[in-house]
């Protein structure tokens, strides 16, 4: 649950430096509020499930799992936001995948 507290804490610390105006609650329609509520609930459930799942595996596997999230985020940003990946990002992603494969092979041995 510290993830959520950290997000709120960092947001409150950075809030004075944000120049954008926040929209009033009536700016959003009911369906937009419902969509945001569903997204928030799904994110909370995903966080709870991941935290539970991590407690059921070894620390080595959990660390590779969390590092692999970076690879997924890089691939998603490439396809969804048309971001360009530099060679060092490809090398870093390959090293993360290699670490996962090495970890899996050591566990089976």
PDB file of N, CA and C in Angstrom:
ATOM      1  N   UNK A   1       0.821  -1.201   0.000  1.00  0.00           N
ATOM      2  CA  UNK A   1       0.000   0.000   0.000  1.00  0.00           C
ATOM      3  C   UNK A   1       0.865   1.267   0.000  1.00  0.00           C
ATOM      4  N   UNK A   2       2.133   1.103   0.272  1.00  0.00           N
ATOM      5  CA  UNK A   2       3.032   2.253   0.288  1.00  0.00           C
ATOM      6  C   UNK A   2       3.156   2.891  -1.091  1.00  0.00           C
ATOM      7  N   UNK A   3       2.889   2.122  -2.138  1.00  0.00           N
ATOM      8  CA  UNK A   3       2.925   2.675  -3.501  1.00  0.00           C
ATOM      9  C   UNK A   3       1.917   3.808  -3.621  1.00  0.00           C
ATOM     10  N   UNK A   4       0.707   3.591  -3.133  1.00  0.00           N
ATOM     11  CA  UNK A   4      -0.334   4.612  -3.228  1.00  0.00           C
ATOM     12  C   UNK A   4       0.007   5.823  -2.367  1.00  0.00           C
ATOM     13  N   UNK A   5       0.538   5.583  -1.186  1.00  0.00           N
ATOM     14  CA  UNK A   5       0.920   6.690  -0.302  1.00  0.00           C
ATOM     15  C   UNK A   5       2.048   7.492  -0.947  1.00  0.00           C
ATOM     16  N   UNK A   6       2.985   6.805  -1.579  1.00  0.00           N
ATOM     17  CA  UNK A   6       4.082   7.489  -2.256  1.00  0.00           C
ATOM     18  C   UNK A   6       3.604   8.349  -3.402  1.00  0.00           C
ATOM     19  N   UNK A   7       2.667   7.851  -4.180  1.00  0.00           N
ATOM     20  CA  UNK A   7       2.128   8.634  -5.296  1.00  0.00           C
ATOM     21  C   UNK A   7       1.435   9.886  -4.793  1.00  0.00           C
ATOM     22  N   UNK A   8       0.620   9.733  -3.757  1.00  0.00           N
ATOM     23  CA  UNK A   8      -0.072  10.898  -3.191  1.00  0.00           C
ATOM     24  C   UNK A   8       0.944  11.874  -2.603  1.00  0.00           C
ATOM     25  N   UNK A   9       1.950  11.351  -1.902  1.00  0.00           N
ATOM     26  CA  UNK A   9       2.964  12.216  -1.290  1.00  0.00           C
ATOM     27  C   UNK A   9       3.753  13.010  -2.318  1.00  0.00           C
ATOM     28  N   UNK A  10       4.223  12.336  -3.359  1.00  0.00           N
ATOM     29  CA  UNK A  10       4.986  13.029  -4.406  1.00  0.00           C
ATOM     30  C   UNK A  10       4.098  14.037  -5.128  1.00  0.00           C
ATOM     31  N   UNK A  11       2.842  13.678  -5.359  1.00  0.00           N
ATOM     32  CA  UNK A  11       1.915  14.611  -6.019  1.00  0.00           C
ATOM     33  C   UNK A  11       1.713  15.870  -5.180  1.00  0.00           C
ATOM     34  N   UNK A  12       1.553  15.690  -3.882  1.00  0.00           N
ATOM     35  CA  UNK A  12       1.354  16.861  -3.013  1.00  0.00           C
ATOM     36  C   UNK A  12       2.606  17.728  -2.947  1.00  0.00           C
ATOM     37  N   UNK A  13       3.770  17.102  -2.973  1.00  0.00           N
ATOM     38  CA  UNK A  13       5.016  17.875  -2.952  1.00  0.00           C
ATOM     39  C   UNK A  13       5.181  18.670  -4.244  1.00  0.00           C
ATOM     40  N   UNK A  14       4.814  18.068  -5.380  1.00  0.00           N
ATOM     41  CA  UNK A  14       5.006  18.722  -6.671  1.00  0.00           C
ATOM     42  C   UNK A  14       3.872  19.678  -7.041  1.00  0.00           C
ATOM     43  N   UNK A  15       2.771  19.624  -6.347  1.00  0.00           N
ATOM     44  CA  UNK A  15       1.596  20.426  -6.674  1.00  0.00           C
ATOM     45  C   UNK A  15       1.864  21.936  -6.763  1.00  0.00           C
ATOM     46  N   UNK A  16       2.678  22.524  -5.882  1.00  0.00           N
ATOM     47  CA  UNK A  16       2.917  23.978  -5.998  1.00  0.00           C
ATOM     48  C   UNK A  16       3.598  24.399  -7.300  1.00  0.00           C
ATOM     49  N   UNK A  17       4.292  23.484  -7.975  1.00  0.00           N
ATOM     50  CA  UNK A  17       5.021  23.837  -9.193  1.00  0.00           C
ATOM     51  C   UNK A  17       4.227  23.582 -10.468  1.00  0.00           C
ATOM     52  N   UNK A  18       3.019  23.108 -10.344  1.00  0.00           N
ATOM     53  CA  UNK A  18       2.183  22.835 -11.517  1.00  0.00           C
ATOM     54  C   UNK A  18       1.446  24.108 -11.897  1.00  0.00           C
ATOM     55  N   UNK A  19       1.598  24.539 -13.151  1.00  0.00           N
ATOM     56  CA  UNK A  19       0.956  25.765 -13.611  1.00  0.00           C
ATOM     57  C   UNK A  19      -0.437  25.525 -14.179  1.00  0.00           C
ATOM     58  N   UNK A  20      -0.751  24.286 -14.497  1.00  0.00           N
ATOM     59  CA  UNK A  20      -2.039  23.983 -15.129  1.00  0.00           C
ATOM     60  C   UNK A  20      -3.180  24.153 -14.125  1.00  0.00           C
ATOM     61  N   UNK A  21      -4.296  24.586 -14.635  1.00  0.00           N
ATOM     62  CA  UNK A  21      -5.498  24.727 -13.808  1.00  0.00           C
ATOM     63  C   UNK A  21      -6.251  23.407 -13.799  1.00  0.00           C
ATOM     64  N   UNK A  22      -6.739  23.034 -12.630  1.00  0.00           N
ATOM     65  CA  UNK A  22      -7.513  21.805 -12.519  1.00  0.00           C
ATOM     66  C   UNK A  22      -8.955  22.082 -12.906  1.00  0.00           C
ATOM     67  N   UNK A  23      -9.560  21.201 -13.700  1.00  0.00           N
ATOM     68  CA  UNK A  23     -10.951  21.434 -14.101  1.00  0.00           C
ATOM     69  C   UNK A  23     -11.895  21.207 -12.923  1.00  0.00           C
ATOM     70  N   UNK A  24     -13.021  21.884 -12.962  1.00  0.00           N
ATOM     71  CA  UNK A  24     -14.022  21.680 -11.912  1.00  0.00           C
ATOM     72  C   UNK A  24     -14.680  20.311 -12.117  1.00  0.00           C
ATOM     73  N   UNK A  25     -15.262  19.743 -11.065  1.00  0.00           N
ATOM     74  CA  UNK A  25     -15.862  18.410 -11.193  1.00  0.00           C
ATOM     75  C   UNK A  25     -16.965  18.317 -12.257  1.00  0.00           C
ATOM     76  N   UNK A  26     -17.671  19.409 -12.503  1.00  0.00           N
ATOM     77  CA  UNK A  26     -18.738  19.346 -13.504  1.00  0.00           C
ATOM     78  C   UNK A  26     -18.202  19.403 -14.943  1.00  0.00           C
ATOM     79  N   UNK A  27     -16.903  19.538 -15.104  1.00  0.00           N
ATOM     80  CA  UNK A  27     -16.280  19.519 -16.422  1.00  0.00           C
ATOM     81  C   UNK A  27     -16.433  18.149 -17.075  1.00  0.00           C
ATOM     82  N   UNK A  28     -16.397  17.078 -16.244  1.00  0.00           N
ATOM     83  CA  UNK A  28     -16.487  15.713 -16.744  1.00  0.00           C
ATOM     84  C   UNK A  28     -17.936  15.240 -16.726  1.00  0.00           C
ATOM     85  N   UNK A  29     -18.283  14.428 -17.714  1.00  0.00           N
ATOM     86  CA  UNK A  29     -19.628  13.852 -17.760  1.00  0.00           C
ATOM     87  C   UNK A  29     -19.704  12.648 -16.813  1.00  0.00           C
ATOM     88  N   UNK A  30     -20.903  12.169 -16.589  1.00  0.00           N
ATOM     89  CA  UNK A  30     -21.100  11.012 -15.718  1.00  0.00           C
ATOM     90  C   UNK A  30     -20.368   9.786 -16.265  1.00  0.00           C
ATOM     91  N   UNK A  31     -20.421   9.576 -17.572  1.00  0.00           N
ATOM     92  CA  UNK A  31     -19.742   8.409 -18.146  1.00  0.00           C
ATOM     93  C   UNK A  31     -18.222   8.519 -18.001  1.00  0.00           C
ATOM     94  N   UNK A  32     -17.688   9.742 -18.078  1.00  0.00           N
ATOM     95  CA  UNK A  32     -16.250   9.920 -17.866  1.00  0.00           C
ATOM     96  C   UNK A  32     -15.872   9.636 -16.413  1.00  0.00           C
ATOM     97  N   UNK A  33     -16.701  10.069 -15.473  1.00  0.00           N
ATOM     98  CA  UNK A  33     -16.463   9.765 -14.064  1.00  0.00           C
ATOM     99  C   UNK A  33     -16.524   8.254 -13.825  1.00  0.00           C
ATOM    100  N   UNK A  34     -17.478   7.592 -14.455  1.00  0.00           N
ATOM    101  CA  UNK A  34     -17.595   6.144 -14.302  1.00  0.00           C
ATOM    102  C   UNK A  34     -16.367   5.438 -14.880  1.00  0.00           C
ATOM    103  N   UNK A  35     -15.899   5.903 -16.022  1.00  0.00           N
ATOM    104  CA  UNK A  35     -14.703   5.322 -16.631  1.00  0.00           C
ATOM    105  C   UNK A  35     -13.496   5.509 -15.719  1.00  0.00           C
ATOM    106  N   UNK A  36     -13.332   6.705 -15.164  1.00  0.00           N
ATOM    107  CA  UNK A  36     -12.210   6.956 -14.253  1.00  0.00           C
ATOM    108  C   UNK A  36     -12.307   6.096 -13.001  1.00  0.00           C
ATOM    109  N   UNK A  37     -13.519   5.891 -12.497  1.00  0.00           N
ATOM    110  CA  UNK A  37     -13.712   5.050 -11.320  1.00  0.00           C
ATOM    111  C   UNK A  37     -13.352   3.602 -11.618  1.00  0.00           C
ATOM    112  N   UNK A  38     -13.774   3.097 -12.770  1.00  0.00           N
ATOM    113  CA  UNK A  38     -13.442   1.719 -13.150  1.00  0.00           C
ATOM    114  C   UNK A  38     -11.931   1.560 -13.314  1.00  0.00           C
ATOM    115  N   UNK A  39     -11.287   2.523 -13.958  1.00  0.00           N
ATOM    116  CA  UNK A  39      -9.837   2.466 -14.125  1.00  0.00           C
ATOM    117  C   UNK A  39      -9.138   2.481 -12.773  1.00  0.00           C
ATOM    118  N   UNK A  40      -9.581   3.346 -11.865  1.00  0.00           N
ATOM    119  CA  UNK A  40      -8.979   3.420 -10.534  1.00  0.00           C
ATOM    120  C   UNK A  40      -9.141   2.098  -9.783  1.00  0.00           C
ATOM    121  N   UNK A  41     -10.319   1.513  -9.836  1.00  0.00           N
ATOM    122  CA  UNK A  41     -10.548   0.237  -9.157  1.00  0.00           C
ATOM    123  C   UNK A  41      -9.693  -0.877  -9.758  1.00  0.00           C
ATOM    124  N   UNK A  42      -9.597  -0.910 -11.080  1.00  0.00           N
ATOM    125  CA  UNK A  42      -8.775  -1.932 -11.723  1.00  0.00           C
ATOM    126  C   UNK A  42      -7.293  -1.769 -11.381  1.00  0.00           C
ATOM    127  N   UNK A  43      -6.828  -0.527 -11.316  1.00  0.00           N
ATOM    128  CA  UNK A  43      -5.431  -0.301 -10.926  1.00  0.00           C
ATOM    129  C   UNK A  43      -5.174  -0.731  -9.487  1.00  0.00           C
ATOM    130  N   UNK A  44      -6.123  -0.438  -8.596  1.00  0.00           N
ATOM    131  CA  UNK A  44      -5.959  -0.864  -7.200  1.00  0.00           C
ATOM    132  C   UNK A  44      -5.970  -2.387  -7.094  1.00  0.00           C
ATOM    133  N   UNK A  45      -6.876  -3.038  -7.807  1.00  0.00           N
ATOM    134  CA  UNK A  45      -6.920  -4.499  -7.782  1.00  0.00           C
ATOM    135  C   UNK A  45      -5.639  -5.098  -8.363  1.00  0.00           C
ATOM    136  N   UNK A  46      -5.151  -4.528  -9.455  1.00  0.00           N
ATOM    137  CA  UNK A  46      -3.920  -5.027 -10.055  1.00  0.00           C
ATOM    138  C   UNK A  46      -2.753  -4.894  -9.087  1.00  0.00           C
ATOM    139  N   UNK A  47      -2.680  -3.773  -8.392  1.00  0.00           N
ATOM    140  CA  UNK A  47      -1.605  -3.572  -7.425  1.00  0.00           C
ATOM    141  C   UNK A  47      -1.702  -4.585  -6.293  1.00  0.00           C
ATOM    142  N   UNK A  48      -2.908  -4.820  -5.793  1.00  0.00           N
ATOM    143  CA  UNK A  48      -3.089  -5.788  -4.707  1.00  0.00           C
ATOM    144  C   UNK A  48      -2.701  -7.189  -5.177  1.00  0.00           C
ATOM    145  N   UNK A  49      -3.137  -7.583  -6.376  1.00  0.00           N
ATOM    146  CA  UNK A  49      -2.806  -8.911  -6.887  1.00  0.00           C
ATOM    147  C   UNK A  49      -1.309  -9.077  -7.113  1.00  0.00           C
ATOM    148  N   UNK A  50      -0.661  -8.043  -7.631  1.00  0.00           N
ATOM    149  CA  UNK A  50       0.788  -8.124  -7.846  1.00  0.00           C
ATOM    150  C   UNK A  50       1.512  -8.236  -6.511  1.00  0.00           C
ATOM    151  N   UNK A  51       1.100  -7.454  -5.534  1.00  0.00           N
ATOM    152  CA  UNK A  51       1.752  -7.522  -4.231  1.00  0.00           C
ATOM    153  C   UNK A  51       1.558  -8.899  -3.592  1.00  0.00           C
ATOM    154  N   UNK A  52       0.383  -9.472  -3.732  1.00  0.00           N
ATOM    155  CA  UNK A  52       0.160 -10.821  -3.208  1.00  0.00           C
ATOM    156  C   UNK A  52       1.012 -11.833  -3.968  1.00  0.00           C
ATOM    157  N   UNK A  53       1.031 -11.722  -5.279  1.00  0.00           N
ATOM    158  CA  UNK A  53       1.805 -12.663  -6.086  1.00  0.00           C
ATOM    159  C   UNK A  53       3.289 -12.607  -5.784  1.00  0.00           C
ATOM    160  N   UNK A  54       3.808 -11.417  -5.531  1.00  0.00           N
ATOM    161  CA  UNK A  54       5.231 -11.265  -5.242  1.00  0.00           C
ATOM    162  C   UNK A  54       5.592 -11.955  -3.927  1.00  0.00           C
ATOM    163  N   UNK A  55       4.665 -11.977  -2.987  1.00  0.00           N
ATOM    164  CA  UNK A  55       4.959 -12.655  -1.717  1.00  0.00           C
ATOM    165  C   UNK A  55       5.009 -14.167  -1.875  1.00  0.00           C
ATOM    166  N   UNK A  56       4.510 -14.682  -2.986  1.00  0.00           N
ATOM    167  CA  UNK A  56       4.475 -16.127  -3.210  1.00  0.00           C
ATOM    168  C   UNK A  56       5.649 -16.632  -4.055  1.00  0.00           C
ATOM    169  N   UNK A  57       6.590 -15.745  -4.395  1.00  0.00           N
ATOM    170  CA  UNK A  57       7.729 -16.168  -5.214  1.00  0.00           C
ATOM    171  C   UNK A  57       9.030 -15.694  -4.574  1.00  0.00           C
ATOM    172  N   UNK A  58      10.130 -16.222  -5.086  1.00  0.00           N
ATOM    173  CA  UNK A  58      11.434 -15.848  -4.548  1.00  0.00           C
ATOM    174  C   UNK A  58      11.765 -14.405  -4.920  1.00  0.00           C
ATOM    175  N   UNK A  59      12.683 -13.829  -4.177  1.00  0.00           N
ATOM    176  CA  UNK A  59      13.082 -12.441  -4.419  1.00  0.00           C
ATOM    177  C   UNK A  59      13.737 -12.267  -5.781  1.00  0.00           C
ATOM    178  N   UNK A  60      14.481 -13.280  -6.220  1.00  0.00           N
ATOM    179  CA  UNK A  60      15.157 -13.180  -7.521  1.00  0.00           C
ATOM    180  C   UNK A  60      14.132 -13.098  -8.643  1.00  0.00           C
ATOM    181  N   UNK A  61      13.124 -13.941  -8.576  1.00  0.00           N
ATOM    182  CA  UNK A  61      12.093 -13.918  -9.617  1.00  0.00           C
ATOM    183  C   UNK A  61      11.283 -12.629  -9.542  1.00  0.00           C
ATOM    184  N   UNK A  62      10.998 -12.172  -8.341  1.00  0.00           N
ATOM    185  CA  UNK A  62      10.225 -10.937  -8.198  1.00  0.00           C
ATOM    186  C   UNK A  62      10.992  -9.750  -8.780  1.00  0.00           C
ATOM    187  N   UNK A  63      12.293  -9.697  -8.555  1.00  0.00           N
ATOM    188  CA  UNK A  63      13.079  -8.579  -9.086  1.00  0.00           C
ATOM    189  C   UNK A  63      13.104  -8.604 -10.606  1.00  0.00           C
ATOM    190  N   UNK A  64      13.195  -9.787 -11.195  1.00  0.00           N
ATOM    191  CA  UNK A  64      13.172  -9.885 -12.658  1.00  0.00           C
ATOM    192  C   UNK A  64      11.800  -9.481 -13.181  1.00  0.00           C
ATOM    193  N   UNK A  65      10.747  -9.873 -12.477  1.00  0.00           N
ATOM    194  CA  UNK A  65       9.392  -9.508 -12.887  1.00  0.00           C
ATOM    195  C   UNK A  65       9.227  -7.992 -12.929  1.00  0.00           C
ATOM    196  N   UNK A  66       9.687  -7.321 -11.883  1.00  0.00           N
ATOM    197  CA  UNK A  66       9.539  -5.868 -11.845  1.00  0.00           C
ATOM    198  C   UNK A  66      10.436  -5.182 -12.869  1.00  0.00           C
ATOM    199  N   UNK A  67      11.603  -5.738 -13.137  1.00  0.00           N
ATOM    200  CA  UNK A  67      12.449  -5.163 -14.180  1.00  0.00           C
ATOM    201  C   UNK A  67      11.837  -5.378 -15.560  1.00  0.00           C
ATOM    202  N   UNK A  68      11.154  -6.514 -15.745  1.00  0.00           N
ATOM    203  CA  UNK A  68      10.548  -6.794 -17.039  1.00  0.00           C
ATOM    204  C   UNK A  68       9.427  -5.806 -17.348  1.00  0.00           C
ATOM    205  N   UNK A  69       8.847  -5.192 -16.317  1.00  0.00           N
ATOM    206  CA  UNK A  69       7.838  -4.161 -16.550  1.00  0.00           C
ATOM    207  C   UNK A  69       8.408  -3.014 -17.374  1.00  0.00           C
ATOM    208  N   UNK A  70       9.696  -2.721 -17.193  1.00  0.00           N
ATOM    209  CA  UNK A  70      10.344  -1.669 -17.977  1.00  0.00           C
ATOM    210  C   UNK A  70      10.383  -2.042 -19.457  1.00  0.00           C
ATOM    211  N   UNK A  71      10.637  -3.310 -19.739  1.00  0.00           N
ATOM    212  CA  UNK A  71      10.659  -3.761 -21.130  1.00  0.00           C
ATOM    213  C   UNK A  71       9.266  -3.616 -21.742  1.00  0.00           C
ATOM    214  N   UNK A  72       8.254  -4.031 -21.017  1.00  0.00           N
ATOM    215  CA  UNK A  72       6.880  -3.924 -21.512  1.00  0.00           C
ATOM    216  C   UNK A  72       6.506  -2.458 -21.729  1.00  0.00           C
ATOM    217  N   UNK A  73       6.894  -1.588 -20.803  1.00  0.00           N
ATOM    218  CA  UNK A  73       6.589  -0.160 -20.949  1.00  0.00           C
ATOM    219  C   UNK A  73       7.307   0.432 -22.163  1.00  0.00           C
ATOM    220  N   UNK A  74       8.537   0.020 -22.397  1.00  0.00           N
ATOM    221  CA  UNK A  74       9.271   0.538 -23.560  1.00  0.00           C
ATOM    222  C   UNK A  74       8.628   0.078 -24.862  1.00  0.00           C
ATOM    223  N   UNK A  75       8.230  -1.181 -24.921  1.00  0.00           N
ATOM    224  CA  UNK A  75       7.582  -1.690 -26.125  1.00  0.00           C
ATOM    225  C   UNK A  75       6.236  -1.007 -26.334  1.00  0.00           C
ATOM    226  N   UNK A  76       5.483  -0.828 -25.255  1.00  0.00           N
ATOM    227  CA  UNK A  76       4.181  -0.160 -25.363  1.00  0.00           C
ATOM    228  C   UNK A  76       4.352   1.284 -25.825  1.00  0.00           C
ATOM    229  N   UNK A  77       5.345   1.990 -25.298  1.00  0.00           N
ATOM    230  CA  UNK A  77       5.552   3.373 -25.722  1.00  0.00           C
ATOM    231  C   UNK A  77       5.992   3.440 -27.179  1.00  0.00           C
ATOM    232  N   UNK A  78       6.728   2.426 -27.626  1.00  0.00           N
ATOM    233  CA  UNK A  78       7.151   2.380 -29.023  1.00  0.00           C
ATOM    234  C   UNK A  78       5.932   2.252 -29.948  1.00  0.00           C
ATOM    235  N   UNK A  79       5.035   1.338 -29.612  1.00  0.00           N
ATOM    236  CA  UNK A  79       3.880   1.095 -30.475  1.00  0.00           C
ATOM    237  C   UNK A  79       2.739   2.091 -30.261  1.00  0.00           C
ATOM    238  N   UNK A  80       2.495   2.486 -29.029  1.00  0.00           N
ATOM    239  CA  UNK A  80       1.344   3.343 -28.748  1.00  0.00           C
ATOM    240  C   UNK A  80       1.642   4.828 -28.915  1.00  0.00           C
ATOM    241  N   UNK A  81       2.848   5.259 -28.582  1.00  0.00           N
ATOM    242  CA  UNK A  81       3.177   6.681 -28.637  1.00  0.00           C
ATOM    243  C   UNK A  81       4.219   6.995 -29.699  1.00  0.00           C
ATOM    244  N   UNK A  82       4.605   5.981 -30.489  1.00  0.00           N
ATOM    245  CA  UNK A  82       5.584   6.152 -31.564  1.00  0.00           C
ATOM    246  C   UNK A  82       6.904   6.717 -31.042  1.00  0.00           C
ATOM    247  N   UNK A  83       7.296   6.247 -29.859  1.00  0.00           N
ATOM    248  CA  UNK A  83       8.583   6.646 -29.291  1.00  0.00           C
ATOM    249  C   UNK A  83       9.706   5.894 -30.000  1.00  0.00           C
ATOM    250  N   UNK A  84      10.833   6.540 -30.129  1.00  0.00           N
ATOM    251  CA  UNK A  84      11.997   5.894 -30.744  1.00  0.00           C
ATOM    252  C   UNK A  84      12.873   5.305 -29.642  1.00  0.00           C
ATOM    253  N   UNK A  85      13.307   4.072 -29.858  1.00  0.00           N
ATOM    254  CA  UNK A  85      14.182   3.424 -28.881  1.00  0.00           C
ATOM    255  C   UNK A  85      15.617   3.520 -29.361  1.00  0.00           C
ATOM    256  N   UNK A  86      16.490   3.997 -28.492  1.00  0.00           N
ATOM    257  CA  UNK A  86      17.915   4.117 -28.813  1.00  0.00           C
ATOM    258  C   UNK A  86      18.589   2.757 -28.584  1.00  0.00           C
ATOM    259  N   UNK A  87      19.807   2.638 -29.049  1.00  0.00           N
ATOM    260  CA  UNK A  87      20.518   1.356 -28.924  1.00  0.00           C
ATOM    261  C   UNK A  87      20.727   0.975 -27.469  1.00  0.00           C
ATOM    262  N   UNK A  88      20.969   1.954 -26.580  1.00  0.00           N
ATOM    263  CA  UNK A  88      21.193   1.616 -25.180  1.00  0.00           C
ATOM    264  C   UNK A  88      19.917   1.078 -24.519  1.00  0.00           C
ATOM    265  N   UNK A  89      18.759   1.499 -24.992  1.00  0.00           N
ATOM    266  CA  UNK A  89      17.507   0.951 -24.469  1.00  0.00           C
ATOM    267  C   UNK A  89      17.310  -0.484 -24.931  1.00  0.00           C
ATOM    268  N   UNK A  90      17.692  -0.768 -26.184  1.00  0.00           N
ATOM    269  CA  UNK A  90      17.619  -2.140 -26.675  1.00  0.00           C
ATOM    270  C   UNK A  90      18.568  -3.041 -25.889  1.00  0.00           C
ATOM    271  N   UNK A  91      19.782  -2.544 -25.626  1.00  0.00           N
ATOM    272  CA  UNK A  91      20.752  -3.331 -24.858  1.00  0.00           C
ATOM    273  C   UNK A  91      20.237  -3.561 -23.440  1.00  0.00           C
ATOM    274  N   UNK A  92      19.708  -2.523 -22.814  1.00  0.00           N
ATOM    275  CA  UNK A  92      19.176  -2.670 -21.459  1.00  0.00           C
ATOM    276  C   UNK A  92      18.016  -3.648 -21.403  1.00  0.00           C
ATOM    277  N   UNK A  93      17.103  -3.555 -22.358  1.00  0.00           N
ATOM    278  CA  UNK A  93      15.980  -4.489 -22.414  1.00  0.00           C
ATOM    279  C   UNK A  93      16.449  -5.917 -22.640  1.00  0.00           C
ATOM    280  N   UNK A  94      17.447  -6.081 -23.486  1.00  0.00           N
ATOM    281  CA  UNK A  94      18.000  -7.424 -23.730  1.00  0.00           C
ATOM    282  C   UNK A  94      18.646  -7.988 -22.477  1.00  0.00           C
ATOM    283  N   UNK A  95      19.316  -7.141 -21.721  1.00  0.00           N
ATOM    284  CA  UNK A  95      19.937  -7.600 -20.477  1.00  0.00           C
ATOM    285  C   UNK A  95      18.880  -8.023 -19.457  1.00  0.00           C
ATOM    286  N   UNK A  96      17.772  -7.309 -19.410  1.00  0.00           N
ATOM    287  CA  UNK A  96      16.693  -7.672 -18.491  1.00  0.00           C
ATOM    288  C   UNK A  96      16.100  -9.023 -18.891  1.00  0.00           C
ATOM    289  N   UNK A  97      15.850  -9.205 -20.179  1.00  0.00           N
ATOM    290  CA  UNK A  97      15.310 -10.481 -20.654  1.00  0.00           C
ATOM    291  C   UNK A  97      16.312 -11.606 -20.385  1.00  0.00           C
ATOM    292  N   UNK A  98      17.602 -11.340 -20.620  1.00  0.00           N
ATOM    293  CA  UNK A  98      18.636 -12.345 -20.362  1.00  0.00           C
ATOM    294  C   UNK A  98      18.684 -12.704 -18.874  1.00  0.00           C
ATOM    295  N   UNK A  99      18.539 -11.710 -18.015  1.00  0.00           N
ATOM    296  CA  UNK A  99      18.534 -11.990 -16.573  1.00  0.00           C
ATOM    297  C   UNK A  99      17.364 -12.887 -16.197  1.00  0.00           C
ATOM    298  N   UNK A 100      16.220 -12.652 -16.814  1.00  0.00           N
ATOM    299  CA  UNK A 100      15.069 -13.502 -16.548  1.00  0.00           C
ATOM    300  C   UNK A 100      15.289 -14.928 -17.011  1.00  0.00           C
ATOM    301  N   UNK A 101      15.899 -15.085 -18.203  1.00  0.00           N
ATOM    302  CA  UNK A 101      16.180 -16.421 -18.715  1.00  0.00           C
ATOM    303  C   UNK A 101      17.217 -17.140 -17.861  1.00  0.00           C
ATOM    304  N   UNK A 102      18.249 -16.439 -17.451  1.00  0.00           N
ATOM    305  CA  UNK A 102      19.276 -17.047 -16.580  1.00  0.00           C
ATOM    306  C   UNK A 102      18.668 -17.457 -15.261  1.00  0.00           C
ATOM    307  N   UNK A 103      17.833 -16.601 -14.711  1.00  0.00           N
ATOM    308  CA  UNK A 103      17.169 -16.931 -13.442  1.00  0.00           C
ATOM    309  C   UNK A 103      16.276 -18.149 -13.592  1.00  0.00           C
ATOM    310  N   UNK A 104      15.557 -18.246 -14.695  1.00  0.00           N
ATOM    311  CA  UNK A 104      14.676 -19.396 -14.912  1.00  0.00           C
ATOM    312  C   UNK A 104      15.488 -20.674 -15.103  1.00  0.00           C
ATOM    313  N   UNK A 105      16.620 -20.589 -15.802  1.00  0.00           N
ATOM    314  CA  UNK A 105      17.441 -21.780 -16.020  1.00  0.00           C
ATOM    315  C   UNK A 105      18.094 -22.245 -14.719  1.00  0.00           C
ATOM    316  N   UNK A 106      18.498 -21.324 -13.861  1.00  0.00           N
ATOM    317  CA  UNK A 106      19.109 -21.708 -12.591  1.00  0.00           C
ATOM    318  C   UNK A 106      18.085 -22.357 -11.677  1.00  0.00           C
ATOM    319  N   UNK A 107      16.852 -21.927 -11.752  1.00  0.00           N
ATOM    320  CA  UNK A 107      15.815 -22.507 -10.906  1.00  0.00           C
ATOM    321  C   UNK A 107      15.512 -23.944 -11.327  1.00  0.00           C
ATOM    322  N   UNK A 108      15.539 -24.203 -12.631  1.00  0.00           N
ATOM    323  CA  UNK A 108      15.250 -25.545 -13.128  1.00  0.00           C
ATOM    324  C   UNK A 108      16.411 -26.506 -12.921  1.00  0.00           C
ATOM    325  N   UNK A 109      17.612 -25.979 -12.778  1.00  0.00           N
ATOM    326  CA  UNK A 109      18.795 -26.844 -12.633  1.00  0.00           C
ATOM    327  C   UNK A 109      18.910 -27.418 -11.244  1.00  0.00           C
TER     328      UNK A 109
END
